[in-house]
Amino acid sequence: MSNVVGLSEERTRQLLLEIGARGSETNPELWGLISRNPLPAKKGDLDATLEY
């Protein structure tokens, strides 16, 4: 993506994190919005959607 927008890889990564994106667990070249691509819950993790 950095070559398309003309930014360094580091700056592109910073901007992606700022908008709520995360890198792929299997392909470091892929990114997605956390809201559309949440990390899978691990056994024993609390449900982050619960209101306290």
PDB file of N, CA and C in Angstrom:
ATOM      1  N   MET A   1       0.811  -1.187   0.000  1.00  0.00           N
ATOM      2  CA  MET A   1       0.000   0.000   0.000  1.00  0.00           C
ATOM      3  C   MET A   1       0.861   1.259   0.000  1.00  0.00           C
ATOM      4  N   SER A   2       2.002   1.209   0.672  1.00  0.00           N
ATOM      5  CA  SER A   2       2.837   2.399   0.780  1.00  0.00           C
ATOM      6  C   SER A   2       3.307   2.896  -0.582  1.00  0.00           C
ATOM      7  N   ASN A   3       3.583   1.978  -1.504  1.00  0.00           N
ATOM      8  CA  ASN A   3       4.024   2.424  -2.829  1.00  0.00           C
ATOM      9  C   ASN A   3       2.899   3.113  -3.602  1.00  0.00           C
ATOM     10  N   VAL A   4       1.652   2.793  -3.306  1.00  0.00           N
ATOM     11  CA  VAL A   4       0.520   3.423  -3.995  1.00  0.00           C
ATOM     12  C   VAL A   4       0.281   4.835  -3.464  1.00  0.00           C
ATOM     13  N   VAL A   5       0.387   5.012  -2.152  1.00  0.00           N
ATOM     14  CA  VAL A   5       0.107   6.326  -1.559  1.00  0.00           C
ATOM     15  C   VAL A   5       1.349   7.201  -1.442  1.00  0.00           C
ATOM     16  N   GLY A   6       2.518   6.635  -1.708  1.00  0.00           N
ATOM     17  CA  GLY A   6       3.748   7.425  -1.707  1.00  0.00           C
ATOM     18  C   GLY A   6       4.319   7.709  -0.333  1.00  0.00           C
ATOM     19  N   LEU A   7       4.022   6.850   0.631  1.00  0.00           N
ATOM     20  CA  LEU A   7       4.554   7.008   1.983  1.00  0.00           C
ATOM     21  C   LEU A   7       5.509   5.862   2.295  1.00  0.00           C
ATOM     22  N   SER A   8       6.288   6.042   3.344  1.00  0.00           N
ATOM     23  CA  SER A   8       7.159   4.952   3.779  1.00  0.00           C
ATOM     24  C   SER A   8       6.290   3.834   4.363  1.00  0.00           C
ATOM     25  N   GLU A   9       6.846   2.646   4.433  1.00  0.00           N
ATOM     26  CA  GLU A   9       6.100   1.526   5.018  1.00  0.00           C
ATOM     27  C   GLU A   9       5.747   1.807   6.471  1.00  0.00           C
ATOM     28  N   GLU A  10       6.674   2.408   7.212  1.00  0.00           N
ATOM     29  CA  GLU A  10       6.427   2.711   8.623  1.00  0.00           C
ATOM     30  C   GLU A  10       5.286   3.712   8.787  1.00  0.00           C
ATOM     31  N   ARG A  11       5.277   4.781   7.986  1.00  0.00           N
ATOM     32  CA  ARG A  11       4.218   5.790   8.087  1.00  0.00           C
ATOM     33  C   ARG A  11       2.869   5.198   7.669  1.00  0.00           C
ATOM     34  N   THR A  12       2.871   4.376   6.633  1.00  0.00           N
ATOM     35  CA  THR A  12       1.643   3.716   6.203  1.00  0.00           C
ATOM     36  C   THR A  12       1.107   2.830   7.317  1.00  0.00           C
ATOM     37  N   ARG A  13       1.987   2.078   7.971  1.00  0.00           N
ATOM     38  CA  ARG A  13       1.601   1.211   9.083  1.00  0.00           C
ATOM     39  C   ARG A  13       1.000   2.036  10.229  1.00  0.00           C
ATOM     40  N   GLN A  14       1.622   3.175  10.546  1.00  0.00           N
ATOM     41  CA  GLN A  14       1.108   4.044  11.615  1.00  0.00           C
ATOM     42  C   GLN A  14      -0.308   4.538  11.291  1.00  0.00           C
ATOM     43  N   LEU A  15      -0.507   4.962  10.050  1.00  0.00           N
ATOM     44  CA  LEU A  15      -1.827   5.465   9.661  1.00  0.00           C
ATOM     45  C   LEU A  15      -2.877   4.363   9.680  1.00  0.00           C
ATOM     46  N   LEU A  16      -2.503   3.165   9.251  1.00  0.00           N
ATOM     47  CA  LEU A  16      -3.449   2.046   9.291  1.00  0.00           C
ATOM     48  C   LEU A  16      -3.863   1.747  10.730  1.00  0.00           C
ATOM     49  N   LEU A  17      -2.916   1.766  11.655  1.00  0.00           N
ATOM     50  CA  LEU A  17      -3.242   1.524  13.063  1.00  0.00           C
ATOM     51  C   LEU A  17      -4.149   2.626  13.609  1.00  0.00           C
ATOM     52  N   GLU A  18      -3.909   3.860  13.202  1.00  0.00           N
ATOM     53  CA  GLU A  18      -4.734   4.980  13.668  1.00  0.00           C
ATOM     54  C   GLU A  18      -6.185   4.868  13.233  1.00  0.00           C
ATOM     55  N   ILE A  19      -6.430   4.272  12.085  1.00  0.00           N
ATOM     56  CA  ILE A  19      -7.824   4.154  11.622  1.00  0.00           C
ATOM     57  C   ILE A  19      -8.488   2.862  12.095  1.00  0.00           C
ATOM     58  N   GLY A  20      -7.766   2.081  12.923  1.00  0.00           N
ATOM     59  CA  GLY A  20      -8.369   0.872  13.477  1.00  0.00           C
ATOM     60  C   GLY A  20      -8.162  -0.367  12.637  1.00  0.00           C
ATOM     61  N   ALA A  21      -7.048  -0.415  11.917  1.00  0.00           N
ATOM     62  CA  ALA A  21      -6.744  -1.604  11.122  1.00  0.00           C
ATOM     63  C   ALA A  21      -5.755  -2.485  11.876  1.00  0.00           C
ATOM     64  N   ARG A  22      -5.678  -3.725  11.444  1.00  0.00           N
ATOM     65  CA  ARG A  22      -4.695  -4.649  12.002  1.00  0.00           C
ATOM     66  C   ARG A  22      -4.133  -5.482  10.863  1.00  0.00           C
ATOM     67  N   GLY A  23      -2.928  -5.955  11.062  1.00  0.00           N
ATOM     68  CA  GLY A  23      -2.300  -6.808  10.073  1.00  0.00           C
ATOM     69  C   GLY A  23      -2.859  -8.216  10.124  1.00  0.00           C
ATOM     70  N   SER A  24      -2.725  -8.916   9.020  1.00  0.00           N
ATOM     71  CA  SER A  24      -3.151 -10.313   8.936  1.00  0.00           C
ATOM     72  C   SER A  24      -2.264 -11.185   9.818  1.00  0.00           C
ATOM     73  N   GLU A  25      -2.836 -12.216  10.389  1.00  0.00           N
ATOM     74  CA  GLU A  25      -2.060 -13.161  11.202  1.00  0.00           C
ATOM     75  C   GLU A  25      -1.213 -14.083  10.335  1.00  0.00           C
ATOM     76  N   THR A  26      -1.581 -14.253   9.070  1.00  0.00           N
ATOM     77  CA  THR A  26      -0.876 -15.196   8.211  1.00  0.00           C
ATOM     78  C   THR A  26      -0.112 -14.542   7.065  1.00  0.00           C
ATOM     79  N   ASN A  27      -0.478 -13.327   6.679  1.00  0.00           N
ATOM     80  CA  ASN A  27       0.191 -12.650   5.573  1.00  0.00           C
ATOM     81  C   ASN A  27       0.492 -11.210   5.981  1.00  0.00           C
ATOM     82  N   PRO A  28       1.744 -10.883   6.261  1.00  0.00           N
ATOM     83  CA  PRO A  28       2.075  -9.543   6.758  1.00  0.00           C
ATOM     84  C   PRO A  28       1.810  -8.425   5.756  1.00  0.00           C
ATOM     85  N   GLU A  29       1.511  -8.753   4.522  1.00  0.00           N
ATOM     86  CA  GLU A  29       1.219  -7.736   3.512  1.00  0.00           C
ATOM     87  C   GLU A  29      -0.253  -7.333   3.505  1.00  0.00           C
ATOM     88  N   LEU A  30      -1.106  -8.077   4.202  1.00  0.00           N
ATOM     89  CA  LEU A  30      -2.549  -7.800   4.202  1.00  0.00           C
ATOM     90  C   LEU A  30      -2.957  -7.076   5.478  1.00  0.00           C
ATOM     91  N   TRP A  31      -3.884  -6.137   5.315  1.00  0.00           N
ATOM     92  CA  TRP A  31      -4.437  -5.389   6.436  1.00  0.00           C
ATOM     93  C   TRP A  31      -5.953  -5.379   6.311  1.00  0.00           C
ATOM     94  N   GLY A  32      -6.628  -5.229   7.438  1.00  0.00           N
ATOM     95  CA  GLY A  32      -8.080  -5.109   7.441  1.00  0.00           C
ATOM     96  C   GLY A  32      -8.534  -4.324   8.650  1.00  0.00           C
ATOM     97  N   LEU A  33      -9.713  -3.749   8.579  1.00  0.00           N
ATOM     98  CA  LEU A  33     -10.268  -3.034   9.718  1.00  0.00           C
ATOM     99  C   LEU A  33     -10.630  -4.035  10.808  1.00  0.00           C
ATOM    100  N   ILE A  34     -10.289  -3.718  12.036  1.00  0.00           N
ATOM    101  CA  ILE A  34     -10.599  -4.601  13.162  1.00  0.00           C
ATOM    102  C   ILE A  34     -12.108  -4.806  13.267  1.00  0.00           C
ATOM    103  N   SER A  35     -12.888  -3.775  12.961  1.00  0.00           N
ATOM    104  CA  SER A  35     -14.349  -3.897  13.051  1.00  0.00           C
ATOM    105  C   SER A  35     -14.895  -4.940  12.080  1.00  0.00           C
ATOM    106  N   ARG A  36     -14.204  -5.159  10.985  1.00  0.00           N
ATOM    107  CA  ARG A  36     -14.636  -6.156  10.004  1.00  0.00           C
ATOM    108  C   ARG A  36     -13.854  -7.452  10.097  1.00  0.00           C
ATOM    109  N   ASN A  37     -12.697  -7.412  10.736  1.00  0.00           N
ATOM    110  CA  ASN A  37     -11.801  -8.569  10.843  1.00  0.00           C
ATOM    111  C   ASN A  37     -11.269  -8.701  12.258  1.00  0.00           C
ATOM    112  N   PRO A  38     -12.138  -8.960  13.232  1.00  0.00           N
ATOM    113  CA  PRO A  38     -11.661  -9.057  14.616  1.00  0.00           C
ATOM    114  C   PRO A  38     -10.765 -10.276  14.804  1.00  0.00           C
ATOM    115  N   LEU A  39      -9.884 -10.170  15.771  1.00  0.00           N
ATOM    116  CA  LEU A  39      -9.068 -11.328  16.116  1.00  0.00           C
ATOM    117  C   LEU A  39      -9.965 -12.385  16.722  1.00  0.00           C
ATOM    118  N   PRO A  40      -9.714 -13.653  16.415  1.00  0.00           N
ATOM    119  CA  PRO A  40     -10.531 -14.708  17.015  1.00  0.00           C
ATOM    120  C   PRO A  40     -10.312 -14.773  18.524  1.00  0.00           C
ATOM    121  N   ALA A  41     -11.388 -15.001  19.259  1.00  0.00           N
ATOM    122  CA  ALA A  41     -11.279 -15.122  20.711  1.00  0.00           C
ATOM    123  C   ALA A  41     -10.550 -16.406  21.061  1.00  0.00           C
ATOM    124  N   LYS A  42      -9.700 -16.311  22.058  1.00  0.00           N
ATOM    125  CA  LYS A  42      -8.989 -17.493  22.543  1.00  0.00           C
ATOM    126  C   LYS A  42      -9.690 -18.023  23.779  1.00  0.00           C
ATOM    127  N   LYS A  43      -9.595 -19.294  24.008  1.00  0.00           N
ATOM    128  CA  LYS A  43     -10.229 -19.914  25.159  1.00  0.00           C
ATOM    129  C   LYS A  43      -9.717 -19.233  26.430  1.00  0.00           C
ATOM    130  N   GLY A  44     -10.641 -18.828  27.277  1.00  0.00           N
ATOM    131  CA  GLY A  44     -10.288 -18.175  28.526  1.00  0.00           C
ATOM    132  C   GLY A  44     -10.318 -16.661  28.451  1.00  0.00           C
ATOM    133  N   ASP A  45     -10.393 -16.079  27.238  1.00  0.00           N
ATOM    134  CA  ASP A  45     -10.490 -14.629  27.096  1.00  0.00           C
ATOM    135  C   ASP A  45     -11.880 -14.172  27.507  1.00  0.00           C
ATOM    136  N   LEU A  46     -11.960 -12.981  28.084  1.00  0.00           N
ATOM    137  CA  LEU A  46     -13.255 -12.395  28.393  1.00  0.00           C
ATOM    138  C   LEU A  46     -13.888 -11.895  27.113  1.00  0.00           C
ATOM    139  N   ASP A  47     -15.197 -11.948  27.054  1.00  0.00           N
ATOM    140  CA  ASP A  47     -15.922 -11.430  25.894  1.00  0.00           C
ATOM    141  C   ASP A  47     -15.848  -9.910  25.933  1.00  0.00           C
ATOM    142  N   ALA A  48     -15.169  -9.321  24.954  1.00  0.00           N
ATOM    143  CA  ALA A  48     -14.978  -7.865  24.926  1.00  0.00           C
ATOM    144  C   ALA A  48     -16.269  -7.109  24.673  1.00  0.00           C
ATOM    145  N   THR A  49     -17.325  -7.794  24.252  1.00  0.00           N
ATOM    146  CA  THR A  49     -18.576  -7.115  23.961  1.00  0.00           C
ATOM    147  C   THR A  49     -19.477  -6.981  25.184  1.00  0.00           C
ATOM    148  N   LEU A  50     -19.106  -7.626  26.273  1.00  0.00           N
ATOM    149  CA  LEU A  50     -19.927  -7.548  27.473  1.00  0.00           C
ATOM    150  C   LEU A  50     -19.832  -6.176  28.109  1.00  0.00           C
ATOM    151  N   GLU A  51     -20.958  -5.670  28.595  1.00  0.00           N
ATOM    152  CA  GLU A  51     -20.950  -4.401  29.317  1.00  0.00           C
ATOM    153  C   GLU A  51     -20.944  -4.714  30.798  1.00  0.00           C
ATOM    154  N   TYR A  52     -20.144  -3.972  31.530  1.00  0.00           N
ATOM    155  CA  TYR A  52     -20.037  -4.200  32.975  1.00  0.00           C
ATOM    156  C   TYR A  52     -20.748  -3.130  33.735  1.00  0.00           C
TER     157      TYR A  52
END
